[in-house]
Amino acid sequence: MTDNTERIIRLLTKRLTTPLSADEADELRLWIGDNPEREALSERLSDYGRLADAYRKRSIINPENACKDMRRRIGIQNKRKRMAGNVAWAMVAVAAVLLFVWFAIPSEQMPKQDAPALIAYAPLSIDSLKPGATIAFINDGGHRMAVESEDEINGIISSRSKSGNSKEKKLTLEVPRGGEFIVLLEDSTKVWLNSESSLSYPESFSAESRRVRISGEAYFDVAPDASRPFFVECDGQEIQVYGTEFNVRAYPEDEAVFTSLSEGSIALRRLDKVGGELMLSPGKQAVFNKSTRHAEVKDVNIETITGWRHGRFVFENQTLLQIMYDLSRWYDFRFEFADPELENLIFMGSIPRYGDFSTATLILEKSGDVAFHTNGDKIIVSRKKSHQAQ
């Protein structure tokens, strides 16, 4: 491997966790040049979803999945959060290097050595799946980096202002699978973000209004400010807030956007301004159909909707498919149904959010005609054997 290749690997790896200096950024741009393959590669190695998936797949090499288990266990202990983040994202950096070597380095530049022995990949273990941790990525207008606390985000903003880059005022906070995060906005509004969710917001709101955009699921505790209305955009819908608390769920697999009001008052309207305004009162949920662009209102149990924020998955007439989507985001796994009819089974009850996945499967197996096992790197949902034999 040439010295230049090793240098590029170091720059691409460093970029994952800390901002590059101006000279380093120029060096990387010079290497990319007008080469479309290198440009595409650089983009792939900036895709944290791809890298996290690569790391997840490699982590099952150990039959006991010890590394992943340790990383998860460290991650849920507050006093060791920073260590957990360093371990996890050092591993992602390693995945980036491996991807680079596999896809970018010409074979003639690779060091000559005997062919390595084949690695036996151990199947995913239900016992190895641990609950998520406090982790997110912040995109501050050019760089993406892992953060584990609001203090780190404030440090990034402060550092950028001192360096003269304060013109870049937009931030995007991304919470990956197996993560959760709480952020305090400039106006003292507090936002809880669930797994696989993102929040786009400015460093400082304007004098006229406060506007953010979300995907996934978030709970808002909006600071009152009569002179600056607060707006939330998501999937073709706009929510105007009057100082209140509410939950918004807008995951890609959901057919609708679910907006549930805990207290206060909010108004909903379509982003294209077609139709009128829909007002919600506490205990109500607006269901905005993504396809028809129509909304309906129904009564809900707010404690059920916001259970994820208080340490429990609470299910009330939810299908097993919906439940598996929520669990797979939090425990970071892929799944499939051996029998498609099982997807529509309805469950009621609750599961501790910070328990191991094995606890969740035990509760679900006792509640219905289902069983869980693994096949490679997937969780398989099937019928119980006693029923299959009949």
Protein backbone atom coordinates (compact mmCIF):
# COMPACT_ATOMS: atom_id res chain seq x y z
CA MET A 1 0.00 0.00 0.00
CA THR A 2 1.51 3.38 -0.99
CA ASP A 3 2.19 6.20 1.46
CA ASN A 4 -0.42 8.35 -0.31
CA THR A 5 -3.06 5.63 0.08
CA GLU A 6 -2.35 5.33 3.80
CA ARG A 7 -2.60 9.09 4.11
CA ILE A 8 -6.01 9.19 2.40
CA ILE A 9 -7.25 6.40 4.69
CA ARG A 10 -6.17 8.42 7.73
CA LEU A 11 -7.98 11.53 6.46
CA LEU A 12 -11.19 9.65 5.69
CA THR A 13 -11.10 8.00 9.10
CA LYS A 14 -10.38 11.23 10.95
CA ARG A 15 -13.27 12.97 9.16
CA LEU A 16 -15.73 10.60 10.84
CA THR A 17 -15.05 11.89 14.35
CA THR A 18 -13.37 15.31 14.15
CA PRO A 19 -13.38 18.21 11.67
CA LEU A 20 -10.50 18.25 9.18
CA SER A 21 -8.22 21.27 9.09
CA ALA A 22 -8.42 23.52 6.03
CA ASP A 23 -5.21 21.97 4.65
CA GLU A 24 -6.47 18.43 5.23
CA ALA A 25 -9.81 19.20 3.59
CA ASP A 26 -7.98 20.67 0.58
CA GLU A 27 -5.75 17.57 0.41
CA LEU A 28 -8.82 15.31 0.37
CA ARG A 29 -10.54 17.43 -2.30
CA LEU A 30 -7.38 17.33 -4.41
CA TRP A 31 -7.31 13.53 -4.14
CA ILE A 32 -10.96 13.30 -5.23
CA GLY A 33 -10.45 15.77 -8.09
CA ASP A 34 -12.73 15.09 -11.04
CA ASN A 35 -12.73 11.35 -10.43
CA PRO A 36 -16.39 10.25 -10.09
CA GLU A 37 -15.44 6.92 -8.51
CA ARG A 38 -13.44 8.62 -5.77
CA GLU A 39 -16.22 11.15 -5.22
CA ALA A 40 -18.77 8.35 -4.87
CA LEU A 41 -16.46 6.49 -2.50
CA SER A 42 -16.01 9.60 -0.35
CA GLU A 43 -19.77 9.96 -0.08
CA ARG A 44 -20.19 6.30 0.87
CA LEU A 45 -17.62 6.70 3.62
CA SER A 46 -19.58 9.67 4.97
CA ASP A 47 -22.77 7.62 5.20
CA TYR A 48 -22.99 6.65 8.86
CA GLY A 49 -25.90 4.32 8.20
CA ARG A 50 -23.77 2.28 5.78
CA LEU A 51 -20.77 2.28 8.09
CA ALA A 52 -22.80 1.34 11.16
CA ASP A 53 -24.32 -1.53 9.20
CA ALA A 54 -20.86 -2.66 8.12
CA TYR A 55 -19.70 -2.59 11.71
CA ARG A 56 -22.80 -4.45 12.88
CA LYS A 57 -22.18 -7.23 10.37
CA ARG A 58 -18.52 -7.56 11.33
CA SER A 59 -19.33 -7.56 15.04
CA ILE A 60 -20.90 -11.01 14.77
CA ILE A 61 -17.56 -12.63 13.93
CA ASN A 62 -17.07 -13.45 17.61
CA PRO A 63 -19.33 -16.40 18.53
CA GLU A 64 -20.22 -14.72 21.81
CA ASN A 65 -20.61 -11.29 20.21
CA ALA A 66 -18.49 -10.04 23.09
CA CYS A 67 -17.41 -6.75 21.60
CA LYS A 68 -20.93 -5.64 20.76
CA ASP A 69 -22.21 -6.82 24.12
CA MET A 70 -19.55 -4.84 25.96
CA ARG A 71 -20.18 -1.75 23.84
CA ARG A 72 -23.92 -1.87 24.53
CA ARG A 73 -23.50 -2.50 28.24
CA ILE A 74 -21.05 0.39 28.59
CA GLY A 75 -23.34 2.60 26.55
CA ILE A 76 -26.28 2.41 28.98
CA GLN A 77 -24.22 3.41 32.02
CA ASN A 78 -24.25 7.19 32.31
CA LYS A 79 -20.89 7.45 34.00
CA ARG A 80 -19.26 5.63 31.07
CA LYS A 81 -21.08 7.23 28.16
CA ARG A 82 -18.00 8.84 26.69
CA MET A 83 -16.10 5.55 26.75
CA ALA A 84 -19.00 3.87 24.98
CA GLY A 85 -19.05 6.46 22.25
CA ASN A 86 -15.30 6.22 21.73
CA VAL A 87 -15.45 2.43 21.49
CA ALA A 88 -18.42 2.40 19.13
CA TRP A 89 -17.19 5.02 16.73
CA ALA A 90 -13.63 3.81 16.75
CA MET A 91 -15.16 0.59 15.45
CA VAL A 92 -17.08 2.49 12.79
CA ALA A 93 -13.83 4.17 11.77
CA VAL A 94 -12.28 0.73 11.40
CA ALA A 95 -15.23 -0.27 9.22
CA ALA A 96 -14.56 2.78 7.07
CA VAL A 97 -10.95 1.78 6.59
CA LEU A 98 -11.97 -1.75 5.69
CA LEU A 99 -14.52 -0.50 3.16
CA PHE A 100 -11.90 1.79 1.67
CA VAL A 101 -9.34 -0.98 1.34
CA TRP A 102 -11.88 -3.39 -0.15
CA PHE A 103 -13.39 -1.01 -2.70
CA ALA A 104 -10.89 1.75 -3.41
CA ILE A 105 -7.35 0.40 -3.39
CA PRO A 106 -6.25 -1.15 -6.70
CA SER A 107 -5.21 -4.75 -6.29
CA GLU A 108 -1.70 -4.03 -7.48
CA GLN A 109 -1.21 -1.67 -4.51
CA MET A 110 -2.28 -4.22 -1.94
CA PRO A 111 0.51 -5.89 0.02
CA LYS A 112 1.32 -9.39 -1.21
CA GLN A 113 0.51 -12.06 1.34
CA ASP A 114 -0.89 -15.52 1.65
CA ALA A 115 -4.66 -15.80 1.30
CA PRO A 116 -6.25 -15.52 4.76
CA ALA A 117 -8.22 -18.41 6.17
CA LEU A 118 -11.98 -18.18 5.81
CA ILE A 119 -13.71 -16.65 8.83
CA ALA A 120 -16.66 -18.55 10.26
CA TYR A 121 -19.39 -16.00 10.96
CA ALA A 122 -21.44 -16.86 14.00
CA PRO A 123 -25.19 -16.32 13.75
CA LEU A 124 -26.82 -13.42 15.56
CA SER A 125 -27.78 -14.29 19.12
CA ILE A 126 -30.99 -13.04 20.75
CA ASP A 127 -29.12 -12.80 24.05
CA SER A 128 -26.53 -10.48 22.48
CA LEU A 129 -29.05 -7.73 21.60
CA LYS A 130 -28.88 -4.96 24.19
CA PRO A 131 -30.91 -1.76 24.55
CA GLY A 132 -29.84 1.46 22.88
CA ALA A 133 -27.70 4.24 24.31
CA THR A 134 -27.51 8.03 24.27
CA ILE A 135 -25.83 8.78 20.95
CA ALA A 136 -26.41 11.07 17.98
CA PHE A 137 -24.60 12.71 15.08
CA ILE A 138 -24.51 16.44 14.54
CA ASN A 139 -24.12 17.92 11.08
CA ASP A 140 -23.00 21.50 11.53
CA GLY A 141 -22.82 22.49 7.89
CA GLY A 142 -20.04 20.37 6.42
CA HIS A 143 -18.93 17.97 9.13
CA ARG A 144 -20.72 15.10 10.85
CA MET A 145 -19.53 13.88 14.20
CA ALA A 146 -20.77 11.70 17.04
CA VAL A 147 -22.06 13.44 20.17
CA GLU A 148 -23.21 12.01 23.46
CA SER A 149 -24.43 15.10 25.27
CA GLU A 150 -25.89 18.55 24.74
CA ASP A 151 -22.62 19.99 26.06
CA GLU A 152 -20.75 18.55 23.09
CA ILE A 153 -23.18 20.21 20.67
CA ASN A 154 -22.72 23.54 22.45
CA GLY A 155 -18.97 23.08 22.20
CA ILE A 156 -19.21 22.56 18.43
CA ILE A 157 -21.32 25.71 18.01
CA SER A 158 -18.97 27.74 20.21
CA SER A 159 -15.89 26.46 18.39
CA ARG A 160 -17.36 27.29 15.00
CA SER A 161 -18.29 30.81 16.08
CA LYS A 162 -14.76 31.46 17.31
CA SER A 163 -13.29 30.19 14.03
CA GLY A 164 -15.38 32.66 12.01
CA ASN A 165 -17.73 30.06 10.53
CA SER A 166 -20.86 31.36 12.24
CA LYS A 167 -22.63 31.96 8.91
CA GLU A 168 -23.48 28.25 8.80
CA LYS A 169 -26.49 28.40 11.11
CA LYS A 170 -28.32 25.20 10.24
CA LEU A 171 -27.84 22.07 12.31
CA THR A 172 -29.14 18.55 11.76
CA LEU A 173 -29.19 16.15 14.69
CA GLU A 174 -29.45 12.50 13.62
CA VAL A 175 -30.16 9.69 16.08
CA PRO A 176 -29.17 6.28 14.65
CA ARG A 177 -30.75 2.88 15.20
CA GLY A 178 -30.01 1.82 18.76
CA GLY A 179 -29.88 5.41 19.98
CA GLU A 180 -31.84 8.18 21.71
CA PHE A 181 -31.05 11.81 22.49
CA ILE A 182 -32.37 14.93 24.25
CA VAL A 183 -31.52 18.38 22.90
CA LEU A 184 -32.24 21.83 24.31
CA LEU A 185 -32.83 24.42 21.61
CA GLU A 186 -31.78 28.06 21.74
CA ASP A 187 -35.22 29.18 23.00
CA SER A 188 -35.22 26.60 25.84
CA THR A 189 -37.51 24.22 23.93
CA LYS A 190 -36.65 20.63 24.85
CA VAL A 191 -36.83 17.81 22.29
CA TRP A 192 -36.58 14.07 22.96
CA LEU A 193 -35.58 12.09 19.86
CA ASN A 194 -36.32 8.39 19.48
CA SER A 195 -34.17 5.90 17.52
CA GLU A 196 -33.64 6.50 13.80
CA SER A 197 -34.93 10.07 13.96
CA SER A 198 -33.58 13.46 12.95
CA LEU A 199 -34.18 17.09 13.84
CA SER A 200 -33.14 20.04 11.64
CA TYR A 201 -33.01 23.40 13.39
CA PRO A 202 -31.10 26.71 13.40
CA GLU A 203 -28.51 27.66 15.98
CA SER A 204 -30.60 30.75 16.70
CA PHE A 205 -34.23 31.33 15.79
CA SER A 206 -35.29 34.45 13.93
CA ALA A 207 -37.11 37.35 15.60
CA GLU A 208 -40.34 36.43 13.76
CA SER A 209 -40.72 32.67 14.21
CA ARG A 210 -39.17 29.40 15.33
CA ARG A 211 -39.16 26.61 12.75
CA VAL A 212 -37.76 23.05 12.85
CA ARG A 213 -38.16 19.88 10.76
CA ILE A 214 -38.26 16.27 11.95
CA SER A 215 -38.39 12.70 10.70
CA GLY A 216 -38.91 9.64 12.85
CA GLU A 217 -40.31 10.28 16.32
CA ALA A 218 -39.88 13.18 18.72
CA TYR A 219 -41.47 14.61 21.84
CA PHE A 220 -41.53 18.40 22.15
CA ASP A 221 -41.78 20.56 25.25
CA VAL A 222 -42.03 23.97 23.56
CA ALA A 223 -41.08 27.11 25.45
CA PRO A 224 -43.88 29.73 25.29
CA ASP A 225 -43.11 32.84 23.25
CA ALA A 226 -46.15 34.75 21.97
CA SER A 227 -44.03 36.93 19.67
CA ARG A 228 -42.40 33.97 17.89
CA PRO A 229 -44.72 31.09 16.95
CA PHE A 230 -43.13 27.65 16.86
CA PHE A 231 -43.56 25.45 13.76
CA VAL A 232 -42.72 21.78 13.19
CA GLU A 233 -42.58 20.42 9.63
CA CYS A 234 -42.81 16.70 8.86
CA ASP A 235 -43.95 14.69 5.84
CA GLY A 236 -46.13 17.32 4.18
CA GLN A 237 -47.62 18.56 7.43
CA GLU A 238 -46.97 21.70 9.46
CA ILE A 239 -47.71 21.98 13.18
CA GLN A 240 -48.09 25.39 14.78
CA VAL A 241 -47.42 25.27 18.51
CA TYR A 242 -48.63 27.62 21.21
CA GLY A 243 -46.31 26.62 24.01
CA THR A 244 -47.15 23.02 24.77
CA GLU A 245 -46.10 19.36 24.90
CA PHE A 246 -46.81 16.86 22.14
CA ASN A 247 -45.47 13.76 20.38
CA VAL A 248 -44.93 13.41 16.62
CA ARG A 249 -44.32 10.09 14.90
CA ALA A 250 -43.44 10.07 11.18
CA TYR A 251 -41.42 6.97 10.33
CA PRO A 252 -41.10 5.94 6.65
CA GLU A 253 -42.97 2.65 7.12
CA ASP A 254 -45.92 4.39 8.78
CA GLU A 255 -48.81 5.18 6.46
CA ALA A 256 -49.61 8.32 8.42
CA VAL A 257 -48.08 11.03 10.59
CA PHE A 258 -49.33 10.73 14.18
CA THR A 259 -49.44 13.94 16.23
CA SER A 260 -50.56 13.43 19.85
CA LEU A 261 -51.13 16.32 22.26
CA SER A 262 -50.23 16.00 25.95
CA GLU A 263 -51.09 19.53 27.05
CA GLY A 264 -51.64 22.99 25.62
CA SER A 265 -52.85 23.62 22.09
CA ILE A 266 -51.58 23.03 18.55
CA ALA A 267 -52.90 23.60 15.03
CA LEU A 268 -52.13 21.39 12.02
CA ARG A 269 -52.26 22.22 8.33
CA ARG A 270 -50.89 20.89 5.06
CA LEU A 271 -47.59 22.39 3.92
CA ASP A 272 -49.07 23.11 0.50
CA LYS A 273 -51.71 25.29 2.27
CA VAL A 274 -54.56 23.28 0.72
CA GLY A 275 -57.53 22.86 3.07
CA GLY A 276 -58.15 24.37 6.46
CA GLU A 277 -56.55 24.24 9.88
CA LEU A 278 -57.11 21.46 12.40
CA MET A 279 -56.97 22.29 16.11
CA LEU A 280 -56.06 19.65 18.71
CA SER A 281 -56.89 19.57 22.40
CA PRO A 282 -55.10 17.46 25.05
CA GLY A 283 -55.72 13.73 24.78
CA LYS A 284 -56.37 13.92 21.03
CA GLN A 285 -54.31 12.54 18.16
CA ALA A 286 -54.30 13.77 14.56
CA VAL A 287 -53.69 11.05 11.99
CA PHE A 288 -52.46 12.64 8.76
CA ASN A 289 -52.56 10.13 5.89
CA LYS A 290 -49.43 10.51 3.74
CA SER A 291 -51.16 9.33 0.57
CA THR A 292 -54.53 11.10 0.70
CA ARG A 293 -53.23 14.15 2.61
CA HIS A 294 -56.33 14.01 4.79
CA ALA A 295 -56.39 14.04 8.56
CA GLU A 296 -58.72 12.66 11.19
CA VAL A 297 -58.81 13.13 14.95
CA LYS A 298 -59.26 10.46 17.59
CA ASP A 299 -58.97 10.02 21.35
CA VAL A 300 -55.79 8.36 22.62
CA ASN A 301 -54.09 7.40 25.86
CA ILE A 302 -51.13 9.81 25.94
CA GLU A 303 -49.27 7.60 28.41
CA THR A 304 -49.33 4.83 25.82
CA ILE A 305 -48.08 7.10 23.03
CA THR A 306 -45.23 8.58 25.07
CA GLY A 307 -44.24 5.42 26.93
CA TRP A 308 -40.95 5.26 24.99
CA ARG A 309 -39.87 8.47 26.72
CA HIS A 310 -40.45 6.97 30.17
CA GLY A 311 -38.62 3.68 29.72
CA ARG A 312 -41.35 1.40 28.35
CA PHE A 313 -42.74 0.19 25.04
CA VAL A 314 -46.50 0.37 25.56
CA PHE A 315 -48.67 -1.44 23.03
CA GLU A 316 -52.39 -0.82 22.69
CA ASN A 317 -54.00 -2.69 19.82
CA GLN A 318 -50.78 -2.62 17.80
CA THR A 319 -49.87 -5.21 15.20
CA LEU A 320 -46.85 -7.43 15.67
CA LEU A 321 -45.34 -5.85 12.55
CA GLN A 322 -45.52 -2.38 14.13
CA ILE A 323 -44.04 -3.74 17.34
CA MET A 324 -41.15 -5.40 15.49
CA TYR A 325 -40.34 -2.15 13.69
CA ASP A 326 -40.08 -0.34 17.03
CA LEU A 327 -38.01 -3.07 18.66
CA SER A 328 -35.67 -3.42 15.67
CA ARG A 329 -34.89 0.31 15.75
CA TRP A 330 -34.08 0.26 19.45
CA TYR A 331 -32.12 -3.01 19.56
CA ASP A 332 -30.64 -2.51 16.05
CA PHE A 333 -31.45 -5.71 14.18
CA ARG A 334 -33.16 -6.87 11.00
CA PHE A 335 -36.16 -9.19 11.04
CA GLU A 336 -38.56 -11.15 8.88
CA PHE A 337 -41.73 -13.17 9.38
CA ALA A 338 -41.73 -16.88 8.59
CA ASP A 339 -45.51 -16.62 8.29
CA PRO A 340 -46.83 -13.30 6.88
CA GLU A 341 -50.14 -13.79 8.71
CA LEU A 342 -48.32 -13.17 12.00
CA GLU A 343 -47.70 -9.55 10.99
CA ASN A 344 -51.33 -8.69 11.74
CA LEU A 345 -51.52 -10.23 15.22
CA ILE A 346 -52.74 -7.62 17.71
CA PHE A 347 -50.97 -7.17 21.05
CA MET A 348 -51.67 -5.18 24.21
CA GLY A 349 -49.24 -4.71 27.06
CA SER A 350 -45.82 -3.25 27.74
CA ILE A 351 -42.15 -4.16 27.56
CA PRO A 352 -39.31 -2.54 29.55
CA ARG A 353 -37.35 -0.37 27.12
CA TYR A 354 -34.02 -0.77 28.89
CA GLY A 355 -34.21 -4.53 29.29
CA ASP A 356 -32.38 -6.93 26.99
CA PHE A 357 -34.11 -8.09 23.81
CA SER A 358 -34.48 -11.56 25.30
CA THR A 359 -36.86 -10.03 27.86
CA ALA A 360 -38.97 -8.55 25.07
CA THR A 361 -39.20 -11.87 23.21
CA LEU A 362 -40.16 -13.70 26.40
CA ILE A 363 -43.05 -11.30 27.02
CA LEU A 364 -44.28 -11.51 23.43
CA GLU A 365 -44.03 -15.31 23.36
CA LYS A 366 -46.10 -15.56 26.53
CA SER A 367 -48.68 -13.14 25.12
CA GLY A 368 -49.30 -14.79 21.77
CA ASP A 369 -48.77 -17.62 19.33
CA VAL A 370 -45.25 -16.53 18.36
CA ALA A 371 -41.67 -17.64 18.76
CA PHE A 372 -38.36 -15.98 17.94
CA HIS A 373 -35.14 -17.45 16.63
CA THR A 374 -32.20 -16.30 14.54
CA ASN A 375 -31.10 -17.08 11.02
CA GLY A 376 -27.75 -15.55 10.13
CA ASP A 377 -27.97 -11.87 11.00
CA LYS A 378 -31.79 -11.72 11.19
CA ILE A 379 -34.44 -12.31 13.82
CA ILE A 380 -37.12 -14.69 12.52
CA VAL A 381 -40.67 -14.43 13.84
CA SER A 382 -42.60 -17.70 13.53
CA ARG A 383 -45.45 -19.61 15.08
CA LYS A 384 -44.86 -21.71 18.15
CA LYS A 385 -43.86 -25.26 17.22
CA SER A 386 -46.74 -26.86 19.11
CA HIS A 387 -49.18 -24.99 16.90
CA GLN A 388 -47.22 -25.61 13.70
CA ALA A 389 -47.46 -29.36 14.27
CA GLN A 390 -51.26 -29.32 14.47
